[in-house]
Every structure is written in C-alpha cells, then in structure tokens.
Protein backbone atom coordinates (compact mmCIF):
# COMPACT_ATOMS: atom_id res chain seq x y z
CA MET A 1 0.00 0.00 0.00
CA SER A 2 2.76 2.44 0.96
CA THR A 3 4.65 1.60 -2.21
CA ASN A 4 1.63 2.28 -4.37
CA ARG A 5 1.08 5.65 -2.71
CA ARG A 6 4.68 6.67 -3.35
CA THR A 7 4.32 5.67 -7.00
CA VAL A 8 1.14 7.73 -7.41
CA ILE A 9 2.73 10.75 -5.74
CA SER A 10 5.83 10.52 -7.96
CA ARG A 11 3.69 10.35 -11.09
CA THR A 12 1.62 13.31 -9.93
CA VAL A 13 4.75 15.44 -9.29
CA ALA A 14 6.13 14.53 -12.71
CA LEU A 15 2.88 15.50 -14.44
CA VAL A 16 2.72 18.81 -12.56
CA SER A 17 6.33 19.59 -13.46
CA LEU A 18 5.69 18.91 -17.13
CA SER A 19 2.60 21.09 -17.04
CA VAL A 20 4.52 23.97 -15.46
CA LEU A 21 7.30 23.69 -18.04
CA ALA A 22 4.78 23.65 -20.87
CA MET A 23 3.02 26.71 -19.48
CA LEU A 24 6.34 28.57 -19.11
CA GLY A 25 7.21 27.72 -22.70
CA TYR A 26 3.85 29.02 -23.89
CA LEU A 27 4.18 32.26 -21.92
CA THR A 28 7.68 32.82 -23.20
CA ALA A 29 6.59 32.30 -26.77
CA CYS A 30 3.71 34.72 -26.37
CA LYS A 31 5.66 37.40 -24.43
CA PRO A 32 5.88 40.61 -26.45
CA ASN A 33 9.35 42.00 -27.27
CA ASN A 34 9.70 45.04 -24.99
CA ASP A 35 13.36 45.67 -25.87
CA ASN A 36 13.08 48.97 -27.69
CA THR A 37 16.79 49.80 -27.53
CA PRO A 38 17.63 51.29 -30.94
CA THR A 39 20.42 49.83 -33.01
CA LEU A 40 22.97 52.55 -33.67
CA SER A 41 24.29 53.12 -37.15
CA THR A 42 27.96 53.61 -37.94
CA ILE A 43 29.34 57.08 -38.57
CA ASN A 44 29.54 56.32 -42.28
CA ASP A 45 25.93 55.09 -42.42
CA LEU A 46 24.71 58.23 -40.66
CA LEU A 47 26.44 60.41 -43.21
CA VAL A 48 25.40 58.32 -46.22
CA ASN A 49 21.77 57.92 -45.23
CA GLY A 50 21.23 61.22 -43.46
CA ASN A 51 19.64 59.46 -40.48
CA GLY A 52 18.81 60.91 -37.11
CA SER A 53 20.03 64.28 -35.96
CA ALA A 54 22.97 64.03 -38.35
CA GLY A 55 20.48 65.16 -40.97
CA ASN A 56 21.16 65.85 -44.63
CA ARG A 57 23.51 68.79 -44.14
CA PHE A 58 26.62 66.68 -44.78
CA THR A 59 26.27 65.86 -48.48
CA LEU A 60 29.62 67.44 -49.38
CA LEU A 61 31.36 65.83 -46.40
CA ASN A 62 29.95 62.44 -47.39
CA LEU A 63 31.15 62.93 -50.96
CA ALA A 64 34.60 63.91 -49.69
CA ILE A 65 34.79 60.88 -47.37
CA GLN A 66 33.88 58.44 -50.12
CA ARG A 67 36.31 60.04 -52.58
CA ALA A 68 39.07 59.89 -49.95
CA ASN A 69 38.36 56.16 -49.42
CA LEU A 70 37.60 56.72 -45.72
CA GLY A 71 34.08 55.28 -45.83
CA ALA A 72 35.32 51.79 -44.97
CA THR A 73 37.20 53.11 -41.94
CA LEU A 74 34.11 54.88 -40.62
CA SER A 75 32.00 51.77 -41.23
CA GLN A 76 34.10 49.44 -39.12
CA ALA A 77 33.96 48.89 -35.39
CA GLY A 78 35.95 51.43 -33.46
CA THR A 79 35.95 54.47 -31.21
CA TYR A 80 36.07 57.53 -33.43
CA THR A 81 35.22 61.20 -33.05
CA LEU A 82 34.41 63.09 -36.24
CA PHE A 83 34.22 66.88 -36.32
CA ALA A 84 31.91 67.15 -39.30
CA PRO A 85 31.85 70.32 -41.42
CA THR A 86 28.35 71.06 -42.67
CA ASP A 87 27.61 71.83 -46.30
CA ASP A 88 27.60 75.53 -45.37
CA ALA A 89 31.07 75.11 -43.86
CA PHE A 90 32.41 73.62 -47.09
CA LYS A 91 30.80 76.39 -49.13
CA ALA A 92 32.27 79.08 -46.87
CA ALA A 93 35.71 77.57 -47.53
CA GLY A 94 35.17 77.83 -51.28
CA TYR A 95 33.97 74.29 -51.99
CA ALA A 96 30.50 75.08 -53.30
CA ASP A 97 29.53 71.79 -54.92
CA ALA A 98 30.51 68.27 -55.91
CA ASN A 99 32.76 69.53 -58.70
CA ALA A 100 34.85 71.48 -56.20
CA ILE A 101 35.27 68.37 -54.07
CA ASN A 102 36.17 66.22 -57.06
CA ASN A 103 38.80 68.74 -58.15
CA LEU A 104 40.77 67.97 -54.99
CA SER A 105 43.14 65.03 -55.12
CA VAL A 106 42.55 61.99 -52.95
CA ALA A 107 45.71 62.81 -51.00
CA GLN A 108 44.49 66.37 -50.31
CA LEU A 109 41.10 65.15 -49.13
CA GLN A 110 42.66 62.52 -46.92
CA ALA A 111 44.93 65.10 -45.27
CA ILE A 112 42.00 67.46 -44.62
CA LEU A 113 39.54 64.83 -43.41
CA GLN A 114 41.97 62.97 -41.17
CA TYR A 115 42.55 66.27 -39.38
CA HIS A 116 38.83 66.23 -38.48
CA LEU A 117 39.00 62.70 -37.06
CA LEU A 118 40.14 61.43 -33.67
CA GLY A 119 40.99 57.79 -33.10
CA THR A 120 39.25 57.93 -29.72
CA ARG A 121 35.62 58.48 -28.81
CA LEU A 122 35.12 61.84 -27.12
CA ASP A 123 31.62 62.07 -25.71
CA ALA A 124 30.32 65.49 -24.70
CA THR A 125 30.44 64.54 -21.02
CA SER A 126 34.16 63.81 -21.26
CA ILE A 127 35.12 67.12 -22.90
CA PRO A 128 36.72 69.18 -20.13
CA THR A 129 35.70 72.69 -19.22
CA ALA A 130 38.89 74.36 -20.36
CA PHE A 131 40.34 76.33 -23.25
CA ASN A 132 42.62 74.88 -25.93
CA THR A 133 42.66 71.31 -24.65
CA PRO A 134 44.81 69.42 -27.19
CA GLN A 135 43.51 66.30 -28.90
CA THR A 136 45.48 64.03 -31.22
CA THR A 137 43.98 63.46 -34.66
CA ALA A 138 44.03 60.27 -36.70
CA ALA A 139 46.93 61.79 -38.65
CA GLY A 140 48.95 62.36 -35.47
CA SER A 141 48.72 66.18 -35.34
CA SER A 142 46.95 68.25 -32.70
CA LEU A 143 43.73 70.20 -32.64
CA TYR A 144 42.39 72.26 -29.76
CA ILE A 145 38.97 72.08 -28.10
CA SER A 146 37.59 74.90 -25.98
CA ARG A 147 34.56 74.63 -23.76
CA GLY A 148 33.49 77.09 -21.10
CA THR A 149 32.22 80.58 -20.41
CA LEU A 150 34.13 83.78 -21.03
CA THR A 151 33.43 86.92 -19.04
CA THR A 152 34.57 90.29 -20.34
CA THR A 153 34.38 93.47 -18.28
CA THR A 154 34.62 96.84 -20.02
CA SER A 155 34.86 100.20 -18.28
CA ALA A 156 33.55 103.57 -19.40
CA THR A 157 34.31 106.89 -17.73
CA GLY A 158 31.75 109.69 -17.76
CA THR A 159 32.92 113.30 -18.02
CA SER A 160 31.68 116.76 -17.21
CA THR A 161 32.80 120.01 -18.83
CA THR A 162 33.15 123.36 -17.07
CA GLY A 163 34.34 126.20 -19.22
CA THR A 164 37.37 124.86 -21.04
CA SER A 165 38.18 122.04 -18.62
CA THR A 166 36.89 118.47 -18.69
CA THR A 167 36.97 116.19 -15.66
CA ALA A 168 36.06 112.57 -15.09
CA THR A 169 32.95 112.21 -12.99
CA SER A 170 32.16 108.51 -12.84
CA THR A 171 33.29 105.13 -14.07
CA SER A 172 30.93 102.33 -14.96
CA ALA A 173 31.74 98.73 -15.73
CA THR A 174 29.78 96.38 -17.96
CA SER A 175 30.26 92.64 -17.89
CA THR A 176 29.30 90.31 -20.72
CA THR A 177 29.49 86.55 -20.87
CA ALA A 178 29.81 84.22 -23.84
CA SER A 179 29.60 80.46 -24.06
CA VAL A 180 32.35 78.74 -26.00
CA PHE A 181 32.21 75.27 -27.54
CA SER A 182 34.70 75.12 -30.38
CA VAL A 183 37.53 73.26 -32.06
CA ASN A 184 40.35 75.29 -33.66
CA GLY A 185 38.00 78.25 -33.71
CA ALA A 186 35.20 76.37 -35.51
CA ARG A 187 32.02 76.35 -33.49
CA ILE A 188 30.68 72.95 -32.45
CA LEU A 189 26.96 73.15 -33.26
CA SER A 190 25.56 70.40 -31.01
CA THR A 191 26.50 68.05 -28.21
CA GLY A 192 26.97 65.27 -30.73
CA THR A 193 25.22 62.42 -32.52
CA ALA A 194 26.02 58.95 -31.21
CA ALA A 195 27.03 56.19 -33.61
CA SER A 196 27.89 52.56 -33.01
CA ASN A 197 31.56 53.33 -33.62
CA GLY A 198 31.86 56.83 -32.22
CA VAL A 199 30.29 60.27 -32.22
CA ILE A 200 29.74 63.06 -34.76
CA TYR A 201 30.00 66.76 -33.90
CA PRO A 202 28.79 69.17 -36.59
CA ILE A 203 31.00 72.24 -36.99
CA ASN A 204 30.51 75.50 -38.87
CA ARG A 205 33.93 75.74 -40.52
CA LEU A 206 36.29 73.48 -42.41
CA LEU A 207 39.48 72.83 -40.44
CA LEU A 208 42.76 73.19 -42.28
CA PRO A 209 45.60 71.05 -40.95
CA PRO A 210 48.93 72.69 -40.08
CA ALA A 211 50.35 71.13 -43.21
CA PHE A 212 52.73 73.97 -44.03
CA GLY A 213 54.61 73.99 -40.73
CA ASP A 214 55.29 77.01 -38.55
CA ILE A 215 53.73 80.47 -38.81
CA ALA A 216 56.43 81.85 -41.10
CA ALA A 217 56.01 78.98 -43.56
CA THR A 218 52.22 79.10 -43.35
CA LEU A 219 52.18 82.82 -44.18
CA GLN A 220 54.14 82.05 -47.32
CA ALA A 221 51.69 79.28 -48.25
CA ILE A 222 48.36 81.04 -47.61
CA PRO A 223 48.42 82.86 -51.00
CA THR A 224 48.55 79.47 -52.74
CA LEU A 225 45.12 78.78 -51.24
CA TYR A 226 43.83 82.34 -51.39
CA PRO A 227 45.45 84.05 -54.41
CA SER A 228 43.93 87.45 -53.57
CA LEU A 229 46.07 87.67 -50.43
CA SER A 230 49.68 88.79 -50.45
CA PHE A 231 52.13 89.08 -47.56
CA SER A 232 55.25 90.27 -49.37
CA PHE A 233 55.30 93.51 -47.35
CA LEU A 234 54.96 91.58 -44.09
CA SER A 235 57.67 89.13 -45.14
CA ALA A 236 60.05 91.99 -45.99
CA ALA A 237 59.24 93.75 -42.72
CA VAL A 238 59.88 90.60 -40.65
CA SER A 239 63.20 90.07 -42.39
CA ARG A 240 64.33 93.68 -41.99
CA ALA A 241 63.29 93.77 -38.33
CA GLY A 242 65.21 90.55 -37.67
CA ILE A 243 62.31 88.77 -35.95
CA THR A 244 61.92 85.68 -38.14
CA SER A 245 62.82 83.56 -35.10
CA VAL A 246 59.68 84.86 -33.34
CA LEU A 247 57.51 83.28 -36.04
CA THR A 248 59.43 80.00 -36.18
CA SER A 249 59.98 79.37 -32.47
CA THR A 250 58.52 76.20 -30.99
CA THR A 251 59.14 77.21 -27.38
CA ALA A 252 55.57 78.42 -26.83
CA PRO A 253 52.56 79.01 -29.11
CA ILE A 254 51.82 82.49 -30.44
CA THR A 255 49.00 84.21 -32.28
CA VAL A 256 49.80 86.53 -35.18
CA PHE A 257 47.46 89.15 -36.60
CA ALA A 258 48.86 89.14 -40.13
CA PRO A 259 48.39 92.30 -42.24
CA THR A 260 48.19 91.86 -45.99
CA ASN A 261 49.94 94.21 -48.40
CA ALA A 262 46.67 96.14 -48.70
CA ALA A 263 46.51 96.39 -44.90
CA PHE A 264 49.90 98.11 -44.78
CA THR A 265 48.84 100.64 -47.41
CA ALA A 266 45.43 101.24 -45.80
CA ALA A 267 47.07 102.33 -42.55
CA VAL A 268 50.15 104.03 -44.02
CA PRO A 269 49.44 105.20 -47.61
CA ALA A 270 53.13 105.95 -48.16
CA ILE A 271 53.87 102.21 -48.11
CA GLN A 272 53.43 101.10 -51.70
CA SER A 273 56.27 98.63 -52.23
CA VAL A 274 58.81 96.37 -50.57
CA GLY A 275 61.30 99.18 -51.09
CA ASP A 276 59.22 101.42 -48.86
CA ILE A 277 59.32 98.73 -46.17
CA ASN A 278 63.11 98.45 -46.45
CA ALA A 279 63.42 102.20 -46.02
CA MET A 280 61.72 102.14 -42.61
CA PRO A 281 63.81 102.28 -39.39
CA VAL A 282 64.45 98.82 -37.98
CA ASP A 283 63.39 99.75 -34.45
CA SER A 284 60.08 101.16 -35.69
CA LEU A 285 59.38 98.03 -37.71
CA ARG A 286 60.22 95.77 -34.79
CA LYS A 287 57.89 97.73 -32.50
CA ILE A 288 55.03 97.58 -35.00
CA LEU A 289 55.45 93.90 -35.87
CA THR A 290 55.70 92.62 -32.29
CA TYR A 291 52.51 94.61 -31.63
CA HIS A 292 50.81 92.09 -33.95
CA VAL A 293 51.96 89.09 -31.90
CA VAL A 294 50.11 87.71 -28.85
CA PRO A 295 52.19 85.23 -26.82
CA SER A 296 49.53 82.52 -26.57
CA ARG A 297 47.21 80.47 -28.79
CA VAL A 298 44.06 82.58 -29.30
CA TYR A 299 41.28 81.29 -31.53
CA THR A 300 38.48 83.72 -32.38
CA PRO A 301 35.82 82.21 -30.07
CA LEU A 302 38.13 83.18 -27.20
CA VAL A 303 38.05 86.84 -28.28
CA THR A 304 35.01 88.73 -27.02
CA ALA A 305 33.88 92.25 -27.78
CA GLY A 306 35.65 94.77 -25.58
CA SER A 307 38.39 92.41 -24.50
CA SER A 308 42.03 93.50 -24.54
CA LEU A 309 44.86 91.34 -25.81
CA THR A 310 48.36 91.96 -24.47
CA THR A 311 50.96 91.79 -27.23
CA ALA A 312 54.60 90.78 -27.30
CA GLN A 313 55.44 94.47 -27.74
CA GLY A 314 53.88 95.17 -24.33
CA GLY A 315 50.87 97.17 -25.44
CA THR A 316 47.29 96.03 -25.88
CA ILE A 317 44.91 95.76 -28.80
CA THR A 318 41.16 95.95 -28.32
CA ALA A 319 38.70 93.47 -29.82
CA GLY A 320 35.31 94.35 -31.21
CA ALA A 321 32.53 92.23 -32.61
CA SER A 322 29.38 92.60 -34.65
CA THR A 323 26.98 90.11 -36.17
CA THR A 324 29.16 89.95 -39.29
CA ALA A 325 32.75 90.58 -38.24
CA LEU A 326 35.40 90.40 -35.55
CA THR A 327 37.78 93.34 -35.34
CA VAL A 328 40.92 94.46 -33.52
CA THR A 329 42.06 98.04 -33.03
CA GLY A 330 45.50 99.38 -32.19
CA ARG A 331 46.13 102.24 -29.76
CA ARG A 332 47.08 104.66 -32.54
CA ASN A 333 44.60 103.50 -35.15
CA GLY A 334 42.38 106.48 -34.40
CA GLY A 335 39.39 104.27 -33.72
CA THR A 336 39.55 102.73 -37.19
CA ALA A 337 39.29 99.00 -36.59
CA SER A 338 41.00 96.24 -38.50
CA THR A 339 38.72 93.42 -39.61
CA ILE A 340 39.80 89.79 -39.33
CA THR A 341 39.18 88.61 -42.89
CA LEU A 342 40.57 85.07 -42.56
CA PRO A 343 40.43 83.75 -39.00
CA ASP A 344 41.95 80.78 -37.18
CA VAL A 345 44.55 79.49 -39.62
CA THR A 346 46.37 76.83 -37.62
CA ALA A 347 50.15 76.51 -37.85
CA SER A 348 52.36 74.04 -36.03
CA ASN A 349 53.38 76.69 -33.47
CA GLY A 350 50.27 78.84 -33.20
CA VAL A 351 47.43 80.63 -34.95
CA ILE A 352 47.19 83.22 -37.73
CA HIS A 353 44.39 85.75 -38.21
CA VAL A 354 44.60 87.70 -41.47
CA ILE A 355 43.66 91.38 -41.01
CA ASP A 356 42.90 94.22 -43.41
CA ARG A 357 44.63 97.10 -41.61
CA LEU A 358 48.01 97.47 -39.94
CA LEU A 359 47.84 97.82 -36.15
CA LEU A 360 49.69 100.84 -34.81
CA PRO A 361 50.99 100.78 -31.21
C-alpha cells in the first residue's frame, strides 16, 4: 500500500512539473518584445543615409569621405570622433559643390579629413571645461577644443565740462558673458550624434591642418590657397626687423594678426612697395610687428567684444565684434578698426588671423 502511494505521488509530481514547463514555454513564446533599444548606425551610415540628428547637411562631407576612401574606416567597429563640417562650412571655404570636391586630389582630401578625425571616442560629457585642450587626430597632429564661459568686463568713464576744462565724474563697468564650444575656432553646433563606432560633432567651418609647418612657412603658403592675399610687405618687414625667429619658435605658441599688403597701405598710404618697407627704421618696424603678436594660442571664439589682448610688444589691442565681423584696433589707429578677414589658420606653433589694416601701437 505504501509503495503504491509513493508511485502515485511521484507520477503526480512529474505531471505537474511537465505542465509547469509547458506553461512557461507558452508564456515565453507569447511574451511581447519590450526591448526597444535602438540599433545605432555607424558614422559612415549616418552620413550616407542622413539618419537621425545628423540630418542631410553633410552631403559634401559624405562625398569627400567616399572620394578619400575613408568610408570603410568609418564603417568598421571602433571608437572615433568626427568633427563634421556642414555643407555651409564647405561652401564658406570655397567648396561650393561636388565639382569642387572632385577637383581635390585623394591625397588632399585625406589630409584634410583625417585632421577632423580622432581615433578615440570623445563624448560630450568627457570634454573638459577648459580652453585649448589638445587632442590628437588620426593623422597624429593636434587640434584644440575649448569649452566654457568667457566673461569680459569693459569700463567707461563719464565726463563733465566746465568752461574749457573736462573732468572725469564717474566710471561704470559692464560685464558680458559668452559660451564657447569650439575646435580650432570652428564652433561645435551640437552636443553630438552617437554612432555605433563613435560620435559626430557638426562644426561651422572646415578645419585646415597645419600642413605647411610654422607660422612663417604658413604665411608664405596662404596665397597658394587664397590668391587674392599677399604678404610680401609683411615678409620683408619681418626680415628687416630681424624677428623671423619669433615666427618660427617652438618654445611656446603664439597668435599673429597678419596684415596683408593692402593692410599696410590702408594704414600708411606711403607704403606702396617692398622698397618702402626696407626704407623704414628697424626699431620702428620691430615695435610695430611685435605689436601684432600675442604670446599665446588665441582662436576667435576666445576673443570677445571689448576684451584686450596683451601683445609681445607690451601694449594692448582691443577686440570688437558685430553680427558679421570680428575686429581688432590698435592704440594709434584712431578708432579705425582692423577686420579679421581670414580667422583661425592653424600653424604648427600657433594661430594666424589675417587682417585688413596694420595695427599701430
């Protein structure tokens, strides 16, 4: 009797176990898929297909990437950061359409695009709050990211006039703040679009790699890219003043506000030729030229309206800004500002800003 009861109980347990397993299998099969985690596309797919927040504003960049044979790299697994110039950025640099892109050699495109690419993933949360933080590009050179808030305080003194005398009556100060999120002076337009193999940051300007070397060499090369610009007066002045070593030094970065030939003549109409430059006193030339040098790396987003920049000569130049232009004014320019016509040209030892009027200390 006891044996029979144990047999019945064992069979009952077995049947219940099978029923439970069958029910679990049925429930599992019928369970809806609640995993809504999106599958991320690669950087290349985002640019090719125009998906997500990457949008369709990268048609010229996509064309350049495919022509440079970098599409396969940006399709593979990895940890990349791409600073992506928009179509407007390419057009502002003179590359208006597909023909302009196709006129560049593969080697040229590769050099330009690899300067926009990091071999590491740099999410927005890992970008430090600091100015000119260096990052190493896929080509092994450096670019500089700035993120933070700039505060500029400007002072104005009120006056009162009695008879023929004028006296200061009060001084007021105005503070302005500006948010900076930029790379080599190009503004980063969003906090990034995530991809399976990295992140894309849209930028408003094409970055040019420091392919020509130091500032002296880069000044000589700029006219090959922009034929309307000439620096033969500046080159002659630097040579006569004996300060070539200032522009080639690698001890510390500098920023040069580089006047074109037309800028020399606009400020001093008597200067019409290299001969006129060579006739100037050496000390005067040296004083003027070092007034155009700031002993640090200064990209334009770090220059706010009303700010003063201390030069290697010891004096200061004053920055101004409008909705269309950034300017700098020397102490003896009589209030006539010099406009930065070509900003943020990166050299191996600093930054060049091309200006349209000589700065006078």
